[in-house]
Protein backbone atom coordinates (compact mmCIF):
# COMPACT_ATOMS: atom_id res chain seq x y z
CA UNK A 1 1.57 -47.27 14.64
CA UNK A 2 -0.81 -44.38 13.86
CA UNK A 3 0.48 -42.01 11.20
CA UNK A 4 -0.32 -38.33 11.63
CA UNK A 5 -1.85 -36.81 8.51
CA UNK A 6 0.26 -34.13 6.85
CA UNK A 7 -1.58 -30.83 7.21
CA UNK A 8 -1.47 -29.79 3.57
CA UNK A 9 -2.78 -33.22 2.50
CA UNK A 10 -5.68 -32.91 4.91
CA UNK A 11 -6.51 -29.40 3.73
CA UNK A 12 -6.39 -30.51 0.10
CA UNK A 13 -8.67 -33.48 0.80
CA UNK A 14 -11.11 -31.33 2.77
CA UNK A 15 -11.14 -28.73 -0.01
CA UNK A 16 -11.96 -31.39 -2.59
CA UNK A 17 -14.78 -32.79 -0.45
CA UNK A 18 -16.19 -29.34 0.17
CA UNK A 19 -15.96 -28.42 -3.51
CA UNK A 20 -17.87 -31.56 -4.51
CA UNK A 21 -20.51 -30.89 -1.86
CA UNK A 22 -20.96 -27.29 -3.02
CA UNK A 23 -21.34 -28.44 -6.61
CA UNK A 24 -24.05 -30.86 -5.49
CA UNK A 25 -25.75 -28.12 -3.49
CA UNK A 26 -25.70 -25.82 -6.49
CA UNK A 27 -27.53 -28.44 -8.55
CA UNK A 28 -30.35 -28.35 -6.01
CA UNK A 29 -30.97 -24.71 -6.91
CA UNK A 30 -30.01 -24.72 -10.58
CA UNK A 31 -30.59 -27.40 -13.19
CA UNK A 32 -27.35 -28.69 -14.77
CA UNK A 33 -25.84 -26.12 -17.14
CA UNK A 34 -28.84 -23.85 -16.61
CA UNK A 35 -28.10 -20.19 -16.06
CA UNK A 36 -30.02 -18.08 -13.58
CA UNK A 37 -32.95 -16.12 -14.91
CA UNK A 38 -34.65 -12.98 -13.75
CA UNK A 39 -38.29 -12.73 -12.70
CA UNK A 40 -40.91 -10.61 -14.47
CA UNK A 41 -41.85 -7.13 -13.22
CA UNK A 42 -45.26 -5.55 -12.71
CA UNK A 43 -46.41 -2.36 -14.41
CA UNK A 44 -46.09 -0.48 -11.11
CA UNK A 45 -42.46 -1.58 -10.79
CA UNK A 46 -41.73 -0.72 -14.41
CA UNK A 47 -43.28 2.72 -14.03
CA UNK A 48 -40.99 3.42 -11.07
CA UNK A 49 -37.92 2.13 -12.93
CA UNK A 50 -38.73 4.22 -16.03
CA UNK A 51 -39.66 7.27 -13.93
CA UNK A 52 -43.18 7.45 -15.36
CA UNK A 53 -46.64 6.99 -13.91
CA UNK A 54 -48.81 3.91 -14.36
CA UNK A 55 -51.18 5.99 -16.48
CA UNK A 56 -48.36 7.10 -18.77
CA UNK A 57 -47.33 3.49 -19.30
CA UNK A 58 -50.89 2.30 -20.02
CA UNK A 59 -51.47 5.11 -22.52
CA UNK A 60 -48.18 4.34 -24.29
CA UNK A 61 -49.38 0.76 -24.75
CA UNK A 62 -52.86 1.90 -25.86
CA UNK A 63 -51.38 4.32 -28.42
CA UNK A 64 -49.10 1.61 -29.78
CA UNK A 65 -45.96 3.57 -28.95
CA UNK A 66 -44.50 0.62 -27.07
CA UNK A 67 -44.94 -3.10 -27.75
CA UNK A 68 -47.32 -5.30 -25.79
CA UNK A 69 -45.89 -7.73 -23.26
CA UNK A 70 -46.88 -10.97 -21.58
CA UNK A 71 -50.00 -10.94 -19.44
CA UNK A 72 -50.27 -12.74 -16.13
CA UNK A 73 -53.19 -13.55 -13.79
CA UNK A 74 -56.00 -11.05 -14.10
CA UNK A 75 -54.62 -9.89 -17.48
CA UNK A 76 -52.02 -7.81 -15.69
CA UNK A 77 -48.98 -6.96 -17.76
CA UNK A 78 -45.70 -8.62 -16.82
CA UNK A 79 -42.43 -7.22 -18.14
CA UNK A 80 -39.11 -8.97 -18.55
CA UNK A 81 -35.92 -6.97 -17.97
CA UNK A 82 -35.39 -7.11 -21.74
CA UNK A 83 -38.87 -5.63 -22.25
CA UNK A 84 -38.02 -2.78 -19.88
CA UNK A 85 -34.79 -2.02 -21.73
CA UNK A 86 -36.54 -2.10 -25.12
CA UNK A 87 -39.32 0.21 -23.90
CA UNK A 88 -36.77 2.53 -22.30
CA UNK A 89 -34.96 2.95 -25.62
CA UNK A 90 -38.20 3.47 -27.58
CA UNK A 91 -39.47 6.15 -25.19
CA UNK A 92 -36.09 7.88 -25.21
CA UNK A 93 -36.18 8.21 -29.01
CA UNK A 94 -39.42 10.21 -28.93
CA UNK A 95 -39.02 12.07 -25.64
CA UNK A 96 -38.41 15.81 -25.30
CA UNK A 97 -35.73 14.86 -22.76
CA UNK A 98 -34.30 11.46 -23.75
CA UNK A 99 -32.02 11.50 -20.73
CA UNK A 100 -35.09 10.94 -18.55
CA UNK A 101 -35.08 7.38 -19.87
CA UNK A 102 -31.35 7.06 -20.49
CA UNK A 103 -29.83 8.60 -17.34
CA UNK A 104 -26.26 7.44 -17.87
CA UNK A 105 -23.16 9.25 -19.05
CA UNK A 106 -23.28 12.02 -21.59
CA UNK A 107 -20.40 13.42 -23.60
CA UNK A 108 -17.72 14.67 -21.24
CA UNK A 109 -18.97 12.68 -18.22
CA UNK A 110 -16.34 10.52 -16.56
CA UNK A 111 -16.87 6.89 -15.74
CA UNK A 112 -18.13 6.53 -12.17
CA UNK A 113 -16.13 3.90 -10.26
CA UNK A 114 -17.29 3.12 -6.73
CA UNK A 115 -15.45 0.75 -4.41
CA UNK A 116 -17.22 -0.77 -1.41
CA UNK A 117 -14.80 -1.06 1.50
CA UNK A 118 -14.69 -2.21 5.08
CA UNK A 119 -12.02 -3.52 7.43
CA UNK A 120 -14.41 -6.00 8.97
CA UNK A 121 -16.34 -8.88 7.40
CA UNK A 122 -20.09 -9.30 7.87
CA UNK A 123 -21.05 -5.68 7.20
CA UNK A 124 -23.17 -6.55 4.13
CA UNK A 125 -20.48 -5.15 1.84
CA UNK A 126 -21.03 -7.71 -0.92
CA UNK A 127 -24.83 -7.70 -0.59
CA UNK A 128 -24.78 -3.92 -0.82
CA UNK A 129 -22.60 -3.97 -3.93
CA UNK A 130 -24.60 -6.54 -5.88
CA UNK A 131 -27.97 -5.10 -4.84
CA UNK A 132 -26.92 -1.57 -5.77
CA UNK A 133 -25.56 -2.81 -9.09
CA UNK A 134 -28.80 -4.57 -9.99
CA UNK A 135 -30.88 -1.56 -9.00
CA UNK A 136 -28.79 0.83 -11.12
CA UNK A 137 -28.95 -1.54 -14.10
CA UNK A 138 -32.74 -1.69 -13.83
CA UNK A 139 -32.82 2.11 -13.64
CA UNK A 140 -31.14 2.34 -17.05
CA UNK A 141 -27.40 2.56 -16.33
CA UNK A 142 -24.74 0.39 -17.95
CA UNK A 143 -23.12 -1.28 -14.97
CA UNK A 144 -20.05 -3.46 -14.47
CA UNK A 145 -19.50 -5.30 -11.20
CA UNK A 146 -15.92 -6.20 -10.31
CA UNK A 147 -15.30 -8.89 -7.69
CA UNK A 148 -11.92 -8.04 -6.16
CA UNK A 149 -12.37 -10.37 -3.18
CA UNK A 150 -10.60 -13.77 -3.26
CA UNK A 151 -13.64 -15.20 -1.44
CA UNK A 152 -15.67 -14.25 -4.54
CA UNK A 153 -19.00 -13.98 -2.74
CA UNK A 154 -20.28 -11.45 -5.24
CA UNK A 155 -19.54 -13.86 -8.10
CA UNK A 156 -21.69 -16.57 -6.50
CA UNK A 157 -24.75 -14.30 -6.70
CA UNK A 158 -24.71 -14.85 -10.46
CA UNK A 159 -24.88 -18.62 -10.23
CA UNK A 160 -21.16 -19.34 -10.46
CA UNK A 161 -19.08 -21.57 -8.23
CA UNK A 162 -15.71 -19.82 -8.42
CA UNK A 163 -13.74 -22.76 -7.03
CA UNK A 164 -15.12 -24.89 -9.90
CA UNK A 165 -16.00 -22.53 -12.76
CA UNK A 166 -12.79 -20.48 -12.53
CA UNK A 167 -10.41 -23.12 -11.30
CA UNK A 168 -8.18 -22.58 -14.33
CA UNK A 169 -8.58 -18.82 -14.72
CA UNK A 170 -11.11 -16.30 -15.98
CA UNK A 171 -11.13 -13.89 -13.03
CA UNK A 172 -9.94 -10.37 -12.27
CA UNK A 173 -6.57 -11.88 -11.34
CA UNK A 174 -5.86 -12.67 -14.99
CA UNK A 175 -6.32 -8.99 -15.89
CA UNK A 176 -4.07 -7.56 -13.14
CA UNK A 177 -1.50 -10.32 -12.56
CA UNK A 178 2.25 -9.85 -12.86
CA UNK A 179 4.39 -11.44 -15.55
CA UNK A 180 6.08 -14.66 -14.47
CA UNK A 181 7.95 -15.54 -17.64
CA UNK A 182 5.27 -17.91 -18.90
CA UNK A 183 2.00 -16.11 -18.24
CA UNK A 184 1.14 -12.42 -18.46
CA UNK A 185 -1.99 -10.43 -17.78
CA UNK A 186 -4.83 -10.41 -20.30
CA UNK A 187 -7.22 -7.63 -21.42
CA UNK A 188 -10.12 -7.32 -19.01
CA UNK A 189 -12.56 -8.04 -21.85
CA UNK A 190 -11.21 -11.59 -21.82
CA UNK A 191 -12.65 -12.17 -18.35
CA UNK A 192 -15.80 -10.03 -18.58
CA UNK A 193 -19.01 -12.06 -18.32
CA UNK A 194 -22.46 -11.03 -19.48
CA UNK A 195 -25.08 -11.79 -16.83
CA UNK A 196 -28.78 -12.64 -16.95
CA UNK A 197 -29.36 -8.99 -15.99
CA UNK A 198 -29.52 -6.69 -19.05
CA UNK A 199 -27.09 -3.76 -18.67
CA UNK A 200 -25.10 -5.65 -16.00
CA UNK A 201 -21.74 -7.33 -16.61
CA UNK A 202 -19.42 -9.11 -14.20
CA UNK A 203 -15.67 -9.45 -13.73
CA UNK A 204 -15.52 -12.57 -11.54
CA UNK A 205 -13.36 -13.03 -8.48
CA UNK A 206 -11.67 -16.13 -7.16
CA UNK A 207 -9.07 -17.57 -4.84
CA UNK A 208 -6.24 -16.75 -7.26
CA UNK A 209 -6.66 -13.09 -6.34
CA UNK A 210 -4.89 -13.92 -3.08
CA UNK A 211 -1.77 -14.46 -5.21
CA UNK A 212 -1.82 -10.76 -6.06
CA UNK A 213 -1.31 -9.97 -2.37
CA UNK A 214 1.72 -12.27 -2.08
CA UNK A 215 3.25 -11.40 -5.46
CA UNK A 216 3.10 -7.62 -5.13
CA UNK A 217 6.08 -7.15 -2.75
CA UNK A 218 8.33 -9.10 -5.13
CA UNK A 219 7.00 -7.15 -8.12
CA UNK A 220 7.71 -3.89 -6.30
CA UNK A 221 11.27 -4.96 -5.52
CA UNK A 222 12.00 -5.64 -9.18
CA UNK A 223 10.23 -2.48 -10.35
CA UNK A 224 7.65 -4.18 -12.54
CA UNK A 225 5.31 -1.77 -14.28
CA UNK A 226 2.57 -0.81 -13.94
CA UNK A 227 2.80 -0.71 -10.16
CA UNK A 228 0.07 -2.46 -8.15
CA UNK A 229 -2.07 0.63 -7.57
CA UNK A 230 -2.46 1.25 -11.30
CA UNK A 231 -3.38 -2.27 -12.37
CA UNK A 232 -7.15 -2.22 -11.80
CA UNK A 233 -7.35 1.35 -13.07
CA UNK A 234 -5.45 0.49 -16.27
CA UNK A 235 -7.64 -2.57 -16.87
CA UNK A 236 -10.86 -0.59 -16.51
CA UNK A 237 -9.63 2.05 -18.96
CA UNK A 238 -9.85 -0.63 -21.67
CA UNK A 239 -13.66 -0.75 -21.28
CA UNK A 240 -14.28 2.81 -20.11
CA UNK A 241 -16.62 3.68 -22.98
CA UNK A 242 -18.83 0.64 -22.39
CA UNK A 243 -20.18 1.56 -18.95
CA UNK A 244 -21.66 4.38 -16.92
CA UNK A 245 -20.85 2.89 -13.52
CA UNK A 246 -18.38 0.33 -12.19
CA UNK A 247 -18.84 -1.09 -8.68
CA UNK A 248 -15.89 -2.89 -7.07
CA UNK A 249 -16.40 -5.25 -4.15
CA UNK A 250 -13.19 -5.14 -2.10
CA UNK A 251 -11.89 -7.75 0.35
CA UNK A 252 -12.42 -6.98 4.06
CA UNK A 253 -8.84 -5.81 4.60
CA UNK A 254 -6.56 -2.96 3.61
CA UNK A 255 -4.29 -4.98 1.34
CA UNK A 256 -2.89 -4.42 -2.13
CA UNK A 257 -6.17 -5.41 -3.82
CA UNK A 258 -8.17 -2.89 -1.81
CA UNK A 259 -5.58 -0.19 -2.42
CA UNK A 260 -5.59 -0.92 -6.15
CA UNK A 261 -9.40 -0.65 -6.18
CA UNK A 262 -9.32 2.57 -4.16
CA UNK A 263 -6.80 4.11 -6.56
CA UNK A 264 -9.04 3.22 -9.50
CA UNK A 265 -12.13 4.76 -7.89
CA UNK A 266 -13.89 8.07 -8.23
CA UNK A 267 -15.90 7.46 -5.04
CA UNK A 268 -15.78 5.15 -2.04
CA UNK A 269 -18.66 3.56 -0.14
CA UNK A 270 -17.97 2.27 3.36
CA UNK A 271 -20.52 -0.04 4.96
CA UNK A 272 -20.92 0.29 8.72
CA UNK A 273 -23.15 -1.61 11.15
CA UNK A 274 -24.28 0.84 13.87
CA UNK A 275 -22.76 -1.18 16.73
CA UNK A 276 -19.92 -0.08 19.00
CA UNK A 277 -17.58 -2.88 17.95
CA UNK A 278 -18.15 -2.12 14.27
CA UNK A 279 -17.69 1.61 14.78
CA UNK A 280 -14.38 0.95 16.54
CA UNK A 281 -13.32 -1.24 13.60
CA UNK A 282 -14.34 1.51 11.17
CA UNK A 283 -12.26 4.02 13.11
CA UNK A 284 -9.22 1.73 12.87
CA UNK A 285 -9.77 1.24 9.16
CA UNK A 286 -9.98 4.99 8.55
CA UNK A 287 -6.83 5.64 10.60
CA UNK A 288 -4.84 3.00 8.71
CA UNK A 289 -6.29 4.00 5.35
CA UNK A 290 -5.47 7.67 5.79
CA UNK A 291 -1.79 6.88 6.36
CA UNK A 292 -1.57 4.46 3.44
CA UNK A 293 -3.48 6.71 1.07
CA UNK A 294 -1.28 9.67 1.96
CA UNK A 295 1.71 7.67 0.73
CA UNK A 296 -0.15 6.62 -2.43
CA UNK A 297 -1.24 10.21 -3.04
CA UNK A 298 2.33 11.47 -2.85
CA UNK A 299 3.33 8.81 -5.40
CA UNK A 300 0.57 9.67 -7.86
CA UNK A 301 -1.60 6.72 -6.95
CA UNK A 302 -4.77 8.60 -6.17
CA UNK A 303 -6.31 11.98 -6.77
CA UNK A 304 -9.46 13.77 -5.73
CA UNK A 305 -12.66 11.86 -4.98
CA UNK A 306 -16.22 12.80 -5.77
CA UNK A 307 -17.59 11.10 -2.65
CA UNK A 308 -16.54 9.17 0.43
CA UNK A 309 -19.88 7.98 1.73
CA UNK A 310 -20.94 5.83 4.67
CA UNK A 311 -23.89 3.45 4.43
CA UNK A 312 -25.43 2.12 7.64
CA UNK A 313 -26.09 -1.59 7.07
CA UNK A 314 -27.89 -4.36 8.94
CA UNK A 315 -29.77 -1.55 10.63
CA UNK A 316 -32.30 -2.96 13.10
CA UNK A 317 -35.07 -0.45 13.69
CA UNK A 318 -36.17 -2.36 16.81
CA UNK A 319 -32.86 -1.80 18.64
CA UNK A 320 -32.77 1.60 20.29
CA UNK A 321 -28.99 1.63 20.70
CA UNK A 322 -28.58 1.25 16.94
CA UNK A 323 -30.88 4.19 16.36
CA UNK A 324 -28.96 6.26 18.92
CA UNK A 325 -25.59 5.34 17.40
CA UNK A 326 -26.79 6.05 13.87
CA UNK A 327 -28.00 9.49 14.92
CA UNK A 328 -24.71 10.11 16.73
CA UNK A 329 -22.81 9.07 13.60
CA UNK A 330 -24.86 11.41 11.42
CA UNK A 331 -24.13 14.31 13.75
CA UNK A 332 -20.44 13.41 13.70
CA UNK A 333 -19.96 12.82 9.96
CA UNK A 334 -22.80 14.90 8.54
CA UNK A 335 -23.91 14.44 4.94
CA UNK A 336 -21.24 11.80 4.35
CA UNK A 337 -23.65 9.33 5.96
CA UNK A 338 -26.20 8.26 3.34
CA UNK A 339 -29.67 9.34 4.36
CA UNK A 340 -31.37 5.94 4.09
CA UNK A 341 -29.91 2.88 5.88
CA UNK A 342 -29.87 -0.67 4.55
CA UNK A 343 -32.18 -2.29 7.10
CA UNK A 344 -31.59 -5.71 8.57
CA UNK A 345 -34.21 -8.07 7.21
CA UNK A 346 -34.89 -11.79 7.15
CA UNK A 347 -36.06 -11.24 3.57
CA UNK A 348 -32.55 -10.27 2.46
CA UNK A 349 -31.04 -13.25 4.29
CA UNK A 350 -33.59 -15.70 2.90
CA UNK A 351 -33.01 -14.45 -0.65
CA UNK A 352 -29.26 -14.85 -0.19
CA UNK A 353 -29.65 -18.51 0.74
CA UNK A 354 -30.74 -19.23 -2.82
CA UNK A 355 -28.15 -16.91 -4.37
CA UNK A 356 -30.66 -14.13 -4.97
CA UNK A 357 -30.96 -10.49 -4.09
CA UNK A 358 -34.16 -8.85 -2.93
CA UNK A 359 -34.82 -7.71 -6.54
CA UNK A 360 -34.97 -11.29 -7.79
CA UNK A 361 -37.62 -12.55 -5.37
CA UNK A 362 -41.10 -12.92 -6.85
CA UNK A 363 -43.31 -11.10 -4.35
CA UNK A 364 -46.42 -12.76 -5.76
CA UNK A 365 -45.27 -16.17 -4.51
CA UNK A 366 -43.54 -15.29 -1.23
CA UNK A 367 -45.21 -16.01 2.10
CA UNK A 368 -43.75 -12.96 3.83
CA UNK A 369 -44.73 -10.31 1.31
CA UNK A 370 -44.81 -7.40 3.75
CA UNK A 371 -41.34 -8.27 5.07
CA UNK A 372 -39.99 -8.35 1.52
CA UNK A 373 -41.73 -5.10 0.59
CA UNK A 374 -40.14 -3.32 3.57
CA UNK A 375 -36.71 -4.66 2.64
CA UNK A 376 -37.23 -3.68 -0.99
CA UNK A 377 -38.25 -0.16 0.02
CA UNK A 378 -35.05 0.21 2.05
CA UNK A 379 -32.87 -1.01 -0.83
CA UNK A 380 -34.57 1.23 -3.38
CA UNK A 381 -34.25 4.24 -1.09
CA UNK A 382 -30.54 3.98 -0.34
CA UNK A 383 -29.87 3.14 -4.00
CA UNK A 384 -31.76 6.28 -5.01
CA UNK A 385 -29.61 8.30 -2.59
CA UNK A 386 -26.46 6.96 -4.23
CA UNK A 387 -27.91 7.50 -7.71
CA UNK A 388 -28.37 11.19 -6.85
CA UNK A 389 -24.71 11.36 -5.78
CA UNK A 390 -23.67 9.85 -9.11
CA UNK A 391 -25.81 12.32 -11.02
CA UNK A 392 -24.35 15.15 -8.96
CA UNK A 393 -20.82 14.02 -9.87
CA UNK A 394 -21.88 14.48 -13.51
CA UNK A 395 -23.07 17.98 -12.70
CA UNK A 396 -26.81 17.38 -12.73
CA UNK A 397 -29.52 16.78 -10.20
CA UNK A 398 -31.29 13.64 -11.35
CA UNK A 399 -34.32 13.08 -13.55
CA UNK A 400 -37.99 13.95 -13.34
CA UNK A 401 -41.02 11.77 -13.73
CA UNK A 402 -43.02 12.10 -16.94
């Protein structure tokens, strides 16, 4: 007689098989125990990141004001991210305006916390968050990325396999969890991870974050403090002095995790694909969010925001309806729509297959250089738009080139 497999046994067995397969796949991209590394940058890229001209950079080397770096083919200088950070600090020490090179917080500036939200998956929410974080770190800001999504896609960009590496803890959940008699939450510094990107730290996500969604109603009924909407905010206060910017990648739903992230934030970034179905989903999200946030506001959960911005993502310049809808959306929502869209590009997708962002791809070795350059230009442009909004929240209008 054939025995029917119990569902939970099948799911457990499938999960184990999938986990083993993913671990094997990871080893194809990364040598055992080897961490990801970042490529070198050209002098033109470094000049843009430091907000100086190529000539300024060459003269600084010639005068001995900054150390020499590795040379590549054709004796062209190649800079590591550590080189860039070292040079940034040296130039800041001798500059008339040191904040040109160190654009982050000054005394009295509040920590900028941006949450990326969307009701619908597939809107490039995670890709936007990690790409923006890397760009801001390269521009000289101290950045912390927080993965608040149980799927932990953002965490995988840094070479981790959450289902393996954080099977027994070490994620955001540990820092915001409720007490259960045996285990209590830990300081967020206990789960913070340094990354291979200078100036960029990570609070990993993982499947255990889904427990926060199921545990919160019970915690509310017994009056456990702090309440859910203060838990991410309270955790981040422990490291407030260590960063200029925190970016939180939220799950694609309006649950307790998203609400906790929203209540911790100073600004919100909503990713929207300019398609009718996605616009309808965005409208539903905004309607639901407004009602929920009104309740949280009346209970002291949230206050005023610096920005609620919309970023058009997966924008296909070859599709006329997308261009029409994007223009319609700009007319409808005005300056809330970020000027530059995040264009749809095979370069972004191809980079993601090997757990990379567009910033990590070595353009010198890629076969589709022009495609990558167009994608990189799009990413740099929308990141610059957001950087200006961050500077504006600090009461200043950005930095000038030397």
